[in-house]
Amino acid sequence: MTHVEDELTSQPACWTRAASEAPRHSGALPAAGERVAIVGCGTSYFMAQAAAVLREHAGQGETDAFAASEFPAGRAYDRVLALTRSGTTTEVLDLLGRLKGSTRTTAVTADPDTPVMTAADEVVVLDFADERSVVQTRFATTALTLLRAHLGLHTDAVVADARTALSTPLPEGLVDCTQFTFLGRGWTVGLAHEAGLKMREACLAWTEAYPAMEYRHGPISVTTRGTATWMLGEAPEGLAEQVRDTGALWVPGTLDPLAELVRVQRLAVAVAAARGLDPDRPRHLTRSVILARP
């Protein structure tokens, strides 16, 4: 079993623990009414997108999401929340350094022995969800579960769906597809982007991701009999039929969207195996991106 396989199968237990610990971290996480920006890089950025939509829709306050490298200078926030598995990512540390003393910052990380512990004003450590793999699975979803629980949006049904995602066979013919499109709505747009990234990282697949309603404004033109189009969450009316008319495989999101992401993680490993690739050794990637200084 690869590291990524081992780690993705542990997600139900990680989510349960994160949800149970959310109350004791409430002082470090955004309070209702705060104007918040959530930042990250790569997978963490896509989790930030999902969390930002969830928080606004829950009526907790205006919430934006940015790649850490693209944070808008001069924009005022009550708090900036940084998601960083490694605690060493250059762009995140640079941003926290620039905000020091002017904006309250919180970091959610997996490693308590890294620079982020002093770079942020407050830190939430999810060391039980740390990973050996380069490809993120359980840390990202556990961090999002922590934030969902903080917002009162996590239930035991989510964990049950994750177990279903791990135990149910993938749809027939899915592994043989040559192109994968992931669609989302609202908070699941971020999950769709993460699903696409997971497939690119782990198995070098041709993947795309879109808001579901935007998919019909051009991207559907590349959909063919070799395409799988996977909806994370509820699909817009009529979309499934339009996809099937192209000859593509339509994959409906029948589980909680975060559990659907677990199914995508399994697919990434399965496609990697079918193509003779090692998902623990993704091409050109390292566990943390640390940029060289001039």
Protein backbone atom coordinates (compact mmCIF):
# COMPACT_ATOMS: atom_id res chain seq x y z
CA MET A 1 0.00 0.00 0.00
CA THR A 2 1.30 3.47 -0.89
CA HIS A 3 1.51 6.26 1.65
CA VAL A 4 -1.28 8.14 -0.09
CA GLU A 5 -3.55 5.06 0.02
CA ASP A 6 -2.88 4.55 3.70
CA GLU A 7 -3.53 8.19 4.48
CA LEU A 8 -6.70 8.59 2.46
CA THR A 9 -8.28 5.56 4.15
CA SER A 10 -7.75 7.12 7.58
CA GLN A 11 -9.95 10.13 6.83
CA PRO A 12 -13.13 9.06 8.67
CA ALA A 13 -11.18 8.75 11.94
CA CYS A 14 -9.36 12.04 11.32
CA TRP A 15 -12.62 13.88 10.62
CA THR A 16 -14.23 12.52 13.77
CA ARG A 17 -11.30 13.71 15.88
CA ALA A 18 -11.15 17.13 14.23
CA ALA A 19 -14.86 17.68 14.82
CA SER A 20 -14.55 16.69 18.47
CA GLU A 21 -11.62 19.07 18.99
CA ALA A 22 -13.19 22.04 17.20
CA PRO A 23 -14.72 23.58 20.35
CA ARG A 24 -11.36 23.91 22.10
CA HIS A 25 -9.92 25.72 19.08
CA SER A 26 -12.81 28.16 18.80
CA GLY A 27 -10.82 31.08 20.21
CA ALA A 28 -8.21 30.74 17.47
CA LEU A 29 -10.68 30.35 14.62
CA PRO A 30 -12.71 33.17 13.04
CA ALA A 31 -15.49 34.51 15.22
CA ALA A 32 -18.92 35.40 13.90
CA GLY A 33 -18.96 38.87 12.41
CA GLU A 34 -15.24 39.06 11.64
CA ARG A 35 -14.18 39.99 8.13
CA VAL A 36 -11.89 37.13 7.18
CA ALA A 37 -9.52 36.07 4.43
CA ILE A 38 -8.51 32.42 4.15
CA VAL A 39 -5.27 31.71 2.30
CA GLY A 40 -3.25 28.72 1.19
CA CYS A 41 -1.27 27.26 -1.68
CA GLY A 42 -2.26 24.41 -3.99
CA THR A 43 -4.63 22.05 -2.21
CA SER A 44 -4.85 24.37 0.78
CA TYR A 45 -5.98 27.19 -1.49
CA PHE A 46 -8.84 25.08 -2.81
CA MET A 47 -9.84 24.18 0.76
CA ALA A 48 -9.76 27.91 1.51
CA GLN A 49 -12.19 28.53 -1.35
CA ALA A 50 -14.61 25.95 0.01
CA ALA A 51 -14.35 27.21 3.58
CA ALA A 52 -14.87 30.83 2.56
CA VAL A 53 -18.15 30.06 0.79
CA LEU A 54 -19.36 27.91 3.68
CA ARG A 55 -18.65 30.66 6.20
CA GLU A 56 -20.42 33.38 4.22
CA HIS A 57 -23.42 31.18 3.51
CA ALA A 58 -23.62 30.39 7.23
CA GLY A 59 -24.02 34.11 7.92
CA GLN A 60 -20.76 34.33 9.86
CA GLY A 61 -19.34 37.29 7.97
CA GLU A 62 -17.70 38.38 4.75
CA THR A 63 -15.04 35.84 3.81
CA ASP A 64 -12.60 35.82 0.90
CA ALA A 65 -10.13 33.20 -0.29
CA PHE A 66 -6.78 33.84 -1.94
CA ALA A 67 -3.69 32.00 -3.02
CA ALA A 68 -1.17 33.23 -0.46
CA SER A 69 0.96 34.74 -3.23
CA GLU A 70 -2.01 36.77 -4.51
CA PHE A 71 -3.22 38.33 -1.26
CA PRO A 72 -4.32 41.91 -2.07
CA ALA A 73 -2.02 44.45 -0.42
CA GLY A 74 -3.83 47.09 1.59
CA ARG A 75 -7.15 45.27 1.92
CA ALA A 76 -8.33 45.26 5.52
CA TYR A 77 -9.43 42.11 7.35
CA ASP A 78 -10.12 41.36 10.98
CA ARG A 79 -8.31 38.06 10.62
CA VAL A 80 -6.33 36.11 8.05
CA LEU A 81 -6.53 32.33 8.38
CA ALA A 82 -3.70 30.41 6.70
CA LEU A 83 -3.91 26.71 5.84
CA THR A 84 -0.46 25.10 5.56
CA ARG A 85 0.22 21.40 6.03
CA SER A 86 3.99 21.75 6.21
CA GLY A 87 4.24 25.06 8.04
CA THR A 88 7.18 25.92 5.79
CA THR A 89 5.60 27.15 2.55
CA THR A 90 7.39 30.30 1.42
CA GLU A 91 4.38 32.29 0.22
CA VAL A 92 2.41 31.64 3.43
CA LEU A 93 5.30 32.58 5.71
CA ASP A 94 6.00 35.73 3.68
CA LEU A 95 2.38 36.83 3.95
CA LEU A 96 2.18 36.16 7.69
CA GLY A 97 5.37 38.17 8.13
CA ARG A 98 3.91 41.14 6.26
CA LEU A 99 0.72 41.03 8.35
CA LYS A 100 2.50 40.74 11.70
CA GLY A 101 1.36 43.45 14.09
CA SER A 102 -1.34 44.81 11.78
CA THR A 103 -3.81 41.97 11.19
CA ARG A 104 -4.66 39.09 13.49
CA THR A 105 -3.53 35.81 11.97
CA THR A 106 -4.25 32.13 12.60
CA ALA A 107 -2.56 29.15 10.98
CA VAL A 108 -3.87 25.61 10.72
CA THR A 109 -0.94 23.23 10.26
CA ALA A 110 0.10 19.61 10.68
CA ASP A 111 3.65 20.13 11.97
CA PRO A 112 4.29 21.89 15.30
CA ASP A 113 8.05 22.07 14.68
CA THR A 114 8.01 24.55 11.83
CA PRO A 115 8.35 28.35 11.37
CA VAL A 116 4.60 28.91 11.13
CA MET A 117 4.32 28.37 14.89
CA THR A 118 5.85 31.81 15.49
CA ALA A 119 4.87 33.43 12.20
CA ALA A 120 1.14 33.37 13.06
CA ASP A 121 -0.45 34.94 16.12
CA GLU A 122 -2.41 31.74 16.87
CA VAL A 123 -1.95 28.21 15.62
CA VAL A 124 -4.16 25.13 15.42
CA VAL A 125 -2.10 21.94 15.08
CA LEU A 126 -3.69 18.88 13.45
CA ASP A 127 -0.63 16.65 13.84
CA PHE A 128 -2.78 13.51 13.83
CA ALA A 129 -3.63 14.31 10.19
CA ASP A 130 -0.03 14.87 9.04
CA GLU A 131 1.14 12.94 6.01
CA ARG A 132 4.26 11.31 4.61
CA SER A 133 3.01 11.63 1.05
CA VAL A 134 3.63 14.57 -1.24
CA VAL A 135 0.04 14.41 -2.47
CA GLN A 136 -2.31 15.86 0.15
CA THR A 137 -5.41 13.94 1.17
CA ARG A 138 -6.28 13.68 4.85
CA PHE A 139 -4.75 16.93 6.11
CA ALA A 140 -6.70 19.03 3.64
CA THR A 141 -10.03 17.35 4.30
CA THR A 142 -9.44 17.28 8.05
CA ALA A 143 -8.69 21.01 8.11
CA LEU A 144 -11.91 21.66 6.19
CA THR A 145 -13.80 19.37 8.57
CA LEU A 146 -12.46 21.40 11.50
CA LEU A 147 -13.81 24.57 9.90
CA ARG A 148 -17.16 22.95 9.03
CA ALA A 149 -17.49 21.79 12.64
CA HIS A 150 -16.58 25.29 13.87
CA LEU A 151 -19.45 26.61 11.75
CA GLY A 152 -21.84 23.95 13.05
CA LEU A 153 -22.01 22.27 9.64
CA HIS A 154 -20.43 18.90 10.41
CA THR A 155 -22.54 15.84 11.20
CA ASP A 156 -21.90 12.14 11.78
CA ALA A 157 -23.51 11.53 8.38
CA VAL A 158 -20.46 13.10 6.71
CA VAL A 159 -18.19 10.50 8.34
CA ALA A 160 -20.59 7.72 7.39
CA ASP A 161 -20.48 8.92 3.79
CA ALA A 162 -16.68 8.89 3.88
CA ARG A 163 -16.75 5.25 4.96
CA THR A 164 -19.13 4.52 2.08
CA ALA A 165 -16.76 6.31 -0.29
CA LEU A 166 -13.95 4.03 0.85
CA SER A 167 -15.90 0.77 0.67
CA THR A 168 -18.00 1.14 -2.48
CA PRO A 169 -16.53 0.16 -5.88
CA LEU A 170 -15.82 2.97 -8.29
CA PRO A 171 -18.19 3.21 -11.28
CA GLU A 172 -17.46 0.71 -14.02
CA GLY A 173 -15.31 2.09 -16.80
CA LEU A 174 -14.20 5.16 -14.84
CA VAL A 175 -10.54 4.16 -14.55
CA ASP A 176 -10.33 3.72 -18.32
CA CYS A 177 -11.44 7.27 -19.13
CA THR A 178 -8.87 9.53 -20.75
CA GLN A 179 -10.16 12.90 -19.55
CA PHE A 180 -11.85 13.91 -16.28
CA THR A 181 -13.96 16.99 -15.63
CA PHE A 182 -15.05 17.92 -12.09
CA LEU A 183 -17.94 20.28 -11.42
CA GLY A 184 -19.11 22.07 -8.30
CA ARG A 185 -21.57 24.68 -7.07
CA GLY A 186 -21.06 27.10 -4.20
CA TRP A 187 -18.61 25.68 -1.71
CA THR A 188 -17.99 22.59 -3.82
CA VAL A 189 -16.35 24.57 -6.64
CA GLY A 190 -13.20 24.54 -4.51
CA LEU A 191 -13.57 20.79 -4.07
CA ALA A 192 -13.91 20.36 -7.83
CA HIS A 193 -10.64 22.23 -8.36
CA GLU A 194 -8.99 20.06 -5.72
CA ALA A 195 -10.32 16.91 -7.39
CA GLY A 196 -8.73 17.98 -10.65
CA LEU A 197 -5.44 18.75 -8.94
CA LYS A 198 -5.41 15.37 -7.21
CA MET A 199 -5.75 13.56 -10.53
CA ARG A 200 -3.02 15.65 -12.14
CA GLU A 201 -0.60 15.13 -9.25
CA ALA A 202 -1.12 11.43 -8.60
CA CYS A 203 -1.66 10.02 -12.09
CA LEU A 204 -0.82 12.74 -14.64
CA ALA A 205 -4.41 12.77 -15.88
CA TRP A 206 -5.96 15.37 -18.18
CA THR A 207 -8.40 17.06 -15.84
CA GLU A 208 -10.47 20.22 -15.75
CA ALA A 209 -12.72 21.81 -13.13
CA TYR A 210 -15.49 24.37 -13.41
CA PRO A 211 -18.51 25.83 -11.66
CA ALA A 212 -21.28 23.57 -12.94
CA MET A 213 -23.23 26.33 -14.69
CA GLU A 214 -20.07 27.58 -16.45
CA TYR A 215 -19.37 24.13 -17.87
CA ARG A 216 -22.04 24.65 -20.52
CA HIS A 217 -20.48 27.94 -21.65
CA GLY A 218 -17.75 26.35 -23.77
CA PRO A 219 -15.96 23.61 -21.78
CA ILE A 220 -18.57 20.98 -22.64
CA SER A 221 -17.22 21.18 -26.21
CA VAL A 222 -14.22 19.00 -25.26
CA THR A 223 -16.44 16.33 -23.71
CA THR A 224 -16.37 13.04 -25.63
CA ARG A 225 -16.94 9.33 -25.17
CA GLY A 226 -13.63 9.09 -23.28
CA THR A 227 -14.59 11.76 -20.76
CA ALA A 228 -15.86 11.31 -17.22
CA THR A 229 -17.79 14.29 -15.87
CA TRP A 230 -18.12 14.14 -12.09
CA MET A 231 -20.49 16.35 -10.15
CA LEU A 232 -19.60 17.18 -6.55
CA GLY A 233 -22.91 18.06 -4.97
CA GLU A 234 -26.29 18.60 -6.60
CA ALA A 235 -26.26 19.09 -10.35
CA PRO A 236 -28.16 21.86 -12.14
CA GLU A 237 -31.33 20.64 -13.78
CA GLY A 238 -30.74 19.10 -17.18
CA LEU A 239 -26.95 18.97 -16.98
CA ALA A 240 -26.67 15.20 -16.56
CA GLU A 241 -28.70 14.63 -19.72
CA GLN A 242 -26.59 17.09 -21.70
CA VAL A 243 -23.40 15.33 -20.61
CA ARG A 244 -24.77 11.89 -21.45
CA ASP A 245 -25.76 13.18 -24.90
CA THR A 246 -22.05 13.78 -25.61
CA GLY A 247 -21.31 10.10 -24.94
CA ALA A 248 -19.38 10.89 -21.76
CA LEU A 249 -19.67 9.01 -18.49
CA TRP A 250 -21.73 11.05 -16.00
CA VAL A 251 -20.79 10.50 -12.34
CA PRO A 252 -23.40 11.97 -9.96
CA GLY A 253 -22.45 13.18 -6.51
CA THR A 254 -24.56 10.97 -4.27
CA LEU A 255 -22.56 11.46 -1.05
CA ASP A 256 -21.60 14.49 0.99
CA PRO A 257 -19.29 16.45 -1.34
CA LEU A 258 -16.29 16.01 0.96
CA ALA A 259 -16.85 12.25 0.85
CA GLU A 260 -17.11 12.50 -2.94
CA LEU A 261 -13.61 13.97 -2.85
CA VAL A 262 -12.45 10.82 -1.06
CA ARG A 263 -13.83 8.81 -3.98
CA VAL A 264 -11.79 10.99 -6.35
CA GLN A 265 -8.67 10.35 -4.27
CA ARG A 266 -9.29 6.63 -4.67
CA LEU A 267 -9.74 7.11 -8.41
CA ALA A 268 -6.40 8.94 -8.63
CA VAL A 269 -4.63 6.00 -7.00
CA ALA A 270 -6.44 3.50 -9.21
CA VAL A 271 -5.58 5.37 -12.42
CA ALA A 272 -1.97 5.69 -11.28
CA ALA A 273 -1.82 1.92 -10.79
CA ALA A 274 -3.39 1.29 -14.19
CA ARG A 275 -0.79 3.55 -15.82
CA GLY A 276 2.16 2.08 -13.92
CA LEU A 277 2.77 5.27 -11.92
CA ASP A 278 3.72 5.67 -8.26
CA PRO A 279 1.36 8.22 -6.62
CA ASP A 280 3.89 8.66 -3.80
CA ARG A 281 6.37 10.11 -6.30
CA PRO A 282 4.52 12.74 -8.34
CA ARG A 283 6.53 14.30 -11.13
CA HIS A 284 8.37 17.56 -10.33
CA LEU A 285 6.70 17.92 -6.90
CA THR A 286 7.93 18.08 -3.31
CA ARG A 287 6.01 17.90 -0.03
CA SER A 288 6.54 21.61 0.63
CA VAL A 289 7.33 24.44 -1.77
CA ILE A 290 10.23 26.44 -0.35
CA LEU A 291 11.47 29.09 -2.78
CA ALA A 292 15.15 29.93 -3.01
CA ARG A 293 16.07 33.48 -2.01
CA PRO A 294 18.18 35.58 -4.39
